[in-house]
N, C-alpha and C. Protein backbone atom coordinates (compact mmCIF):
# COMPACT_ATOMS: atom_id res chain seq x y z
N MET A 1 41.43 -18.05 24.58
CA MET A 1 40.93 -17.18 24.02
C MET A 1 41.24 -16.74 22.62
N ASN A 2 40.36 -16.85 21.60
CA ASN A 2 40.67 -16.44 21.05
C ASN A 2 40.20 -14.62 20.25
N LYS A 3 40.96 -14.36 19.90
CA LYS A 3 41.31 -13.08 19.60
C LYS A 3 40.98 -12.59 17.76
N THR A 4 39.94 -11.77 17.88
CA THR A 4 39.12 -11.42 16.89
C THR A 4 40.32 -9.73 16.06
N THR A 5 40.48 -9.93 15.19
CA THR A 5 40.98 -8.47 14.72
C THR A 5 40.24 -7.22 14.71
N PRO A 6 40.23 -6.30 14.45
CA PRO A 6 38.75 -4.91 14.52
C PRO A 6 38.83 -5.45 12.91
N ALA A 7 39.37 -5.43 12.16
CA ALA A 7 38.96 -5.08 10.62
C ALA A 7 37.94 -6.69 10.62
N LEU A 8 38.22 -8.18 11.25
CA LEU A 8 37.40 -8.91 10.73
C LEU A 8 36.22 -8.75 11.28
N ALA A 9 35.67 -7.99 12.61
CA ALA A 9 34.93 -7.92 13.63
C ALA A 9 34.14 -6.69 12.37
N LEU A 10 34.68 -5.41 11.83
CA LEU A 10 33.98 -4.94 11.25
C LEU A 10 33.67 -5.44 10.03
N ALA A 11 33.91 -6.15 9.30
CA ALA A 11 33.25 -6.78 8.25
C ALA A 11 32.35 -8.07 8.46
N ALA A 12 32.85 -8.60 9.22
CA ALA A 12 31.50 -9.38 10.13
C ALA A 12 30.24 -8.45 10.20
N LEU A 13 30.13 -7.40 10.97
CA LEU A 13 29.34 -6.68 11.27
C LEU A 13 28.28 -5.72 9.93
N LEU A 14 29.32 -5.18 8.87
CA LEU A 14 29.22 -5.17 7.80
C LEU A 14 28.10 -6.01 7.01
N SER A 15 28.50 -7.10 7.01
CA SER A 15 27.85 -8.22 6.28
C SER A 15 26.51 -8.18 6.81
N LEU A 16 26.20 -8.15 7.96
CA LEU A 16 24.64 -7.96 8.73
C LEU A 16 23.77 -6.89 8.27
N ALA A 17 24.80 -5.63 7.94
CA ALA A 17 23.88 -4.44 7.70
C ALA A 17 22.64 -4.52 6.58
N PRO A 18 23.08 -4.79 5.55
CA PRO A 18 21.92 -4.82 4.78
C PRO A 18 20.53 -5.19 5.09
N HIS A 19 20.87 -6.53 5.39
CA HIS A 19 19.71 -7.47 6.03
C HIS A 19 19.23 -6.37 7.26
N ALA A 20 19.87 -6.14 8.31
CA ALA A 20 19.08 -5.49 9.16
C ALA A 20 18.46 -4.18 8.63
N PHE A 21 19.13 -3.09 7.59
CA PHE A 21 18.64 -2.11 7.21
C PHE A 21 17.08 -2.19 6.79
N ALA A 22 17.43 -3.45 6.12
CA ALA A 22 15.42 -4.05 5.29
C ALA A 22 14.81 -4.38 6.14
N GLN A 23 15.00 -4.76 7.09
CA GLN A 23 14.18 -5.17 8.00
C GLN A 23 13.27 -4.46 9.00
N GLY A 24 14.41 -2.79 8.96
CA GLY A 24 13.65 -1.90 9.71
C GLY A 24 12.73 -0.82 8.68
N MET A 25 12.90 -1.04 7.13
CA MET A 25 12.00 -0.58 6.61
C MET A 25 10.82 -0.07 6.42
N ASP A 26 10.27 1.10 6.38
CA ASP A 26 8.52 1.01 6.26
C ASP A 26 8.31 1.05 5.15
N HIS A 27 7.69 -0.70 4.39
CA HIS A 27 7.20 -0.98 3.25
C HIS A 27 6.51 -0.10 2.81
N GLY A 28 5.39 -0.12 3.34
CA GLY A 28 3.63 0.33 3.56
C GLY A 28 3.50 1.67 2.98
N LYS A 29 4.25 2.39 2.67
CA LYS A 29 3.91 3.59 2.43
C LYS A 29 4.90 3.66 0.61
N THR A 30 5.51 2.99 0.69
CA THR A 30 6.14 3.09 -1.17
C THR A 30 5.77 1.78 -2.15
N GLY A 31 4.89 1.10 -1.39
CA GLY A 31 4.55 0.06 -2.14
C GLY A 31 5.58 -0.96 -2.29
N SER A 32 6.64 -0.95 -1.95
CA SER A 32 7.89 -1.94 -2.26
C SER A 32 7.94 -2.62 -1.17
N GLY A 33 8.59 -4.00 -0.98
CA GLY A 33 8.91 -4.85 0.01
C GLY A 33 8.50 -6.17 -0.66
N HIS A 34 8.53 -7.01 0.57
CA HIS A 34 8.48 -8.74 0.10
C HIS A 34 7.08 -9.04 -0.63
N GLY A 35 7.29 -9.81 -1.96
CA GLY A 35 6.15 -10.08 -2.84
C GLY A 35 5.08 -9.06 -3.23
N GLY A 36 5.87 -7.59 -3.06
CA GLY A 36 4.54 -6.41 -3.36
C GLY A 36 3.63 -6.49 -2.22
N MET A 37 3.44 -7.18 -0.87
CA MET A 37 2.39 -7.16 -0.33
C MET A 37 2.85 -5.98 0.75
N MET A 38 1.29 -5.63 0.98
CA MET A 38 1.48 -3.86 1.83
C MET A 38 0.97 -4.27 3.35
N ALA A 39 1.35 -3.45 4.12
CA ALA A 39 0.98 -3.34 5.66
C ALA A 39 -0.10 -2.54 5.98
N THR A 40 -1.21 -3.14 5.29
CA THR A 40 -2.48 -1.98 5.27
C THR A 40 -3.10 -1.84 6.61
N GLN A 41 -2.80 -2.51 7.70
CA GLN A 41 -3.13 -2.48 8.67
C GLN A 41 -2.44 -0.59 9.12
N ASN A 42 -1.34 -0.43 8.85
CA ASN A 42 -0.66 0.85 9.35
C ASN A 42 -1.18 1.96 8.34
N LEU A 43 -1.77 1.92 7.13
CA LEU A 43 -2.24 2.45 6.24
C LEU A 43 -3.33 3.52 6.49
N PRO A 44 -3.25 4.55 6.49
CA PRO A 44 -4.19 5.97 6.86
C PRO A 44 -5.99 5.64 5.57
N PRO A 45 -6.79 5.63 6.29
CA PRO A 45 -7.73 5.75 5.29
C PRO A 45 -8.48 6.70 4.57
N ALA A 46 -8.62 6.57 3.62
CA ALA A 46 -9.37 8.12 2.86
C ALA A 46 -10.81 7.70 2.10
N GLU A 47 -11.58 8.89 2.24
CA GLU A 47 -12.99 8.93 1.75
C GLU A 47 -13.17 9.11 0.66
N ALA A 48 -13.89 8.46 -0.30
CA ALA A 48 -14.29 8.68 -2.14
C ALA A 48 -15.73 8.42 -1.88
N GLU A 49 -15.94 8.80 -3.09
CA GLU A 49 -17.96 8.25 -3.78
C GLU A 49 -16.63 7.61 -4.91
N VAL A 50 -17.70 6.29 -5.16
CA VAL A 50 -17.50 5.64 -6.00
C VAL A 50 -18.23 6.10 -7.45
N ARG A 51 -17.30 6.62 -8.69
CA ARG A 51 -17.62 6.79 -10.11
C ARG A 51 -18.32 5.76 -10.92
N ARG A 52 -17.12 4.57 -10.99
CA ARG A 52 -17.39 3.60 -12.03
C ARG A 52 -16.63 2.07 -11.43
N ILE A 53 -17.17 1.64 -12.28
CA ILE A 53 -16.50 0.25 -11.22
C ILE A 53 -16.58 -0.76 -12.88
N ASP A 54 -15.38 -1.87 -12.88
CA ASP A 54 -15.30 -2.40 -13.94
C ASP A 54 -14.76 -3.49 -13.47
N LYS A 55 -15.45 -4.45 -12.82
CA LYS A 55 -15.05 -5.67 -12.28
C LYS A 55 -14.27 -6.86 -13.17
N ASP A 56 -14.69 -6.91 -14.38
CA ASP A 56 -13.66 -7.89 -14.92
C ASP A 56 -12.27 -7.52 -15.07
N SER A 57 -11.75 -6.25 -15.40
CA SER A 57 -10.25 -5.82 -15.33
C SER A 57 -10.03 -5.08 -13.67
N GLY A 58 -11.07 -5.72 -12.60
CA GLY A 58 -10.72 -5.28 -11.40
C GLY A 58 -10.32 -3.79 -11.40
N LYS A 59 -11.14 -2.84 -11.55
CA LYS A 59 -10.77 -1.75 -11.75
C LYS A 59 -11.61 -1.06 -11.33
N ILE A 60 -11.58 0.37 -10.27
CA ILE A 60 -12.37 1.49 -9.38
C ILE A 60 -12.01 2.77 -9.81
N THR A 61 -13.18 3.56 -10.27
CA THR A 61 -12.75 5.20 -10.55
C THR A 61 -13.67 5.83 -9.53
N LEU A 62 -12.57 6.47 -8.38
CA LEU A 62 -13.02 7.04 -7.26
C LEU A 62 -12.71 8.70 -7.58
N ARG A 63 -14.02 9.21 -6.73
CA ARG A 63 -13.79 10.64 -6.33
C ARG A 63 -13.02 10.67 -4.77
N HIS A 64 -12.19 11.00 -4.82
CA HIS A 64 -11.10 10.27 -3.47
C HIS A 64 -11.13 12.33 -2.88
N GLY A 65 -10.98 11.81 -1.44
CA GLY A 65 -10.49 12.76 -0.47
C GLY A 65 -8.67 12.65 -0.69
N ALA A 66 -8.44 13.71 0.32
CA ALA A 66 -6.54 13.62 0.21
C ALA A 66 -6.34 12.03 0.18
N ILE A 67 -5.06 11.21 0.41
CA ILE A 67 -4.60 9.79 0.40
C ILE A 67 -3.14 10.47 0.93
N LYS A 68 -3.00 10.47 2.18
CA LYS A 68 -2.34 10.67 3.06
C LYS A 68 -0.85 10.19 2.93
N ASN A 69 -0.80 8.48 2.90
CA ASN A 69 0.41 7.87 2.91
C ASN A 69 1.31 8.11 1.63
N MET A 70 0.56 8.50 0.58
CA MET A 70 0.84 8.66 -0.80
C MET A 70 1.02 10.39 -1.21
N ASP A 71 0.61 11.15 0.12
CA ASP A 71 0.95 12.78 -0.41
C ASP A 71 0.04 13.20 -1.93
N MET A 72 -0.82 12.97 -1.85
CA MET A 72 -1.60 12.88 -2.98
C MET A 72 -2.94 13.35 -2.88
N PRO A 73 -3.29 14.63 -3.24
CA PRO A 73 -4.55 15.92 -2.93
C PRO A 73 -5.59 14.89 -3.53
N PRO A 74 -7.02 15.79 -2.76
CA PRO A 74 -8.22 14.94 -3.55
C PRO A 74 -7.85 15.30 -5.39
N MET A 75 -8.96 14.43 -5.99
CA MET A 75 -9.27 14.27 -6.93
C MET A 75 -9.94 12.86 -7.62
N THR A 76 -10.07 12.71 -9.33
CA THR A 76 -11.13 11.61 -9.39
C THR A 76 -9.76 10.73 -9.84
N MET A 77 -9.66 9.38 -9.84
CA MET A 77 -8.68 8.80 -10.68
C MET A 77 -9.11 7.26 -10.94
N VAL A 78 -8.78 6.22 -11.27
CA VAL A 78 -8.80 4.90 -11.67
C VAL A 78 -8.04 4.31 -10.87
N PHE A 79 -8.39 3.09 -9.79
CA PHE A 79 -7.63 2.34 -9.27
C PHE A 79 -7.63 0.90 -9.47
N SER A 80 -6.74 -0.19 -9.61
CA SER A 80 -6.64 -1.68 -9.68
C SER A 80 -7.03 -1.63 -8.35
N VAL A 81 -7.54 -2.67 -8.11
CA VAL A 81 -8.23 -3.68 -6.35
C VAL A 81 -6.68 -4.47 -6.42
N ARG A 82 -6.47 -4.64 -5.43
CA ARG A 82 -5.88 -6.19 -4.79
C ARG A 82 -6.53 -7.35 -5.54
N ASP A 83 -7.81 -7.51 -5.45
CA ASP A 83 -8.54 -8.54 -5.30
C ASP A 83 -9.64 -8.29 -5.90
N LYS A 84 -10.24 -8.68 -7.12
CA LYS A 84 -11.08 -8.20 -7.66
C LYS A 84 -12.71 -8.96 -6.74
N ALA A 85 -12.43 -9.33 -5.77
CA ALA A 85 -13.89 -9.74 -4.79
C ALA A 85 -13.84 -8.53 -3.83
N MET A 86 -12.76 -7.58 -3.94
CA MET A 86 -13.00 -6.51 -3.06
C MET A 86 -14.21 -5.74 -3.93
N LEU A 87 -14.57 -5.65 -4.79
CA LEU A 87 -16.05 -4.95 -5.58
C LEU A 87 -17.16 -5.36 -5.25
N ASP A 88 -17.37 -6.73 -4.76
CA ASP A 88 -18.18 -7.41 -4.63
C ASP A 88 -19.31 -6.63 -3.25
N GLY A 89 -20.28 -5.72 -3.12
CA GLY A 89 -20.89 -5.26 -2.48
C GLY A 89 -21.17 -3.52 -2.58
N ILE A 90 -20.15 -3.24 -3.66
CA ILE A 90 -19.76 -2.18 -3.85
C ILE A 90 -20.67 -1.35 -4.89
N ALA A 91 -21.09 -0.47 -5.23
CA ALA A 91 -21.90 0.19 -6.31
C ALA A 91 -21.55 1.42 -6.23
N VAL A 92 -21.51 2.02 -7.92
CA VAL A 92 -21.81 3.06 -8.53
C VAL A 92 -22.35 4.26 -7.30
N GLY A 93 -22.20 5.30 -6.96
CA GLY A 93 -22.54 6.46 -5.72
C GLY A 93 -22.37 5.72 -4.56
N ASP A 94 -21.79 4.52 -4.57
CA ASP A 94 -21.39 4.73 -3.44
C ASP A 94 -20.25 5.87 -2.47
N LYS A 95 -20.60 5.88 -1.08
CA LYS A 95 -19.53 6.76 -0.34
C LYS A 95 -18.72 5.17 0.44
N VAL A 96 -17.04 5.50 0.32
CA VAL A 96 -16.28 4.19 0.89
C VAL A 96 -15.03 4.79 1.51
N GLU A 97 -15.04 4.61 2.09
CA GLU A 97 -13.51 4.05 2.73
C GLU A 97 -12.83 3.05 2.32
N PHE A 98 -11.33 3.51 1.88
CA PHE A 98 -10.30 2.82 1.69
C PHE A 98 -8.82 3.15 2.09
N THR A 99 -8.21 2.54 1.81
CA THR A 99 -6.78 2.32 1.93
C THR A 99 -5.96 2.07 0.48
N ALA A 100 -4.90 2.76 -0.13
CA ALA A 100 -4.41 2.24 -1.76
C ALA A 100 -2.99 3.21 -1.36
N VAL A 101 -2.00 2.02 -2.29
CA VAL A 101 -0.86 2.09 -2.12
C VAL A 101 -0.18 2.09 -3.63
N GLN A 102 0.99 2.85 -4.13
CA GLN A 102 1.57 2.58 -5.08
C GLN A 102 2.19 1.41 -5.00
N ASP A 103 1.86 0.35 -6.39
CA ASP A 103 2.49 -0.82 -6.38
C ASP A 103 3.11 -1.09 -7.89
N LYS A 104 4.09 -1.22 -7.83
CA LYS A 104 4.80 -1.40 -9.59
C LYS A 104 4.40 -1.13 -10.70
N GLY A 105 4.35 0.89 -10.02
CA GLY A 105 3.77 1.89 -11.33
C GLY A 105 2.03 1.77 -10.85
N GLN A 106 1.63 1.29 -10.39
CA GLN A 106 0.03 1.34 -10.27
C GLN A 106 -0.50 2.04 -9.27
N MET A 107 -1.53 2.25 -8.80
CA MET A 107 -2.29 2.71 -7.78
C MET A 107 -2.86 1.76 -7.60
N VAL A 108 -3.05 1.01 -5.94
CA VAL A 108 -3.76 -0.06 -6.15
C VAL A 108 -4.83 0.08 -4.39
N VAL A 109 -6.07 -0.54 -4.46
CA VAL A 109 -6.78 -0.18 -3.55
C VAL A 109 -6.12 -1.68 -3.13
N GLU A 110 -5.90 -1.51 -1.32
CA GLU A 110 -5.43 -2.43 -0.67
C GLU A 110 -6.96 -2.88 0.32
N SER A 111 -7.52 -2.16 0.79
CA SER A 111 -8.84 -2.46 1.13
C SER A 111 -9.98 -1.53 0.85
N ILE A 112 -11.02 -1.69 1.39
CA ILE A 112 -12.57 -0.52 0.54
C ILE A 112 -13.53 -1.32 1.48
N LYS A 113 -14.59 -0.14 2.29
CA LYS A 113 -15.87 -0.97 2.57
C LYS A 113 -16.93 0.49 2.23
N PRO A 114 -17.60 0.08 2.52
CA PRO A 114 -18.96 1.20 2.19
C PRO A 114 -19.20 1.87 3.51
N LEU A 115 -19.28 3.10 3.30
CA LEU A 115 -19.81 3.79 4.59
C LEU A 115 -21.27 4.23 4.58
N LYS A 116 -21.64 3.73 5.98
CA LYS A 116 -22.97 3.57 6.57
C LYS A 116 -23.70 5.12 5.98
N PRO A 117 -24.82 4.83 5.28
CA PRO A 117 -25.51 6.64 5.48
C PRO A 117 -25.60 6.98 6.22
């Protein structure tokens, strides 16, 4: 039977720690993570009114309620959208439900859908 010294066992365990720690982190709240992709299913939705849409640049201005995952109070601000196609079917004045994250210094809409009147 091979006897492993405590120091060698500790070194092996510590070499695995960064990977195990990274796997357990909640990347959806901060916008960090593998490839910048977010776990949208875990994001709490917020409600907003669409104030302006710029499809060419992939931007939308929303007058939104609190965004809980970012500890953001209600305000009006411009967001980028993850995909310009998300803006299809959305019009100025629409009430919407959306999720957003901060990703690489920008506020990004991860999902958006019109609310039924």
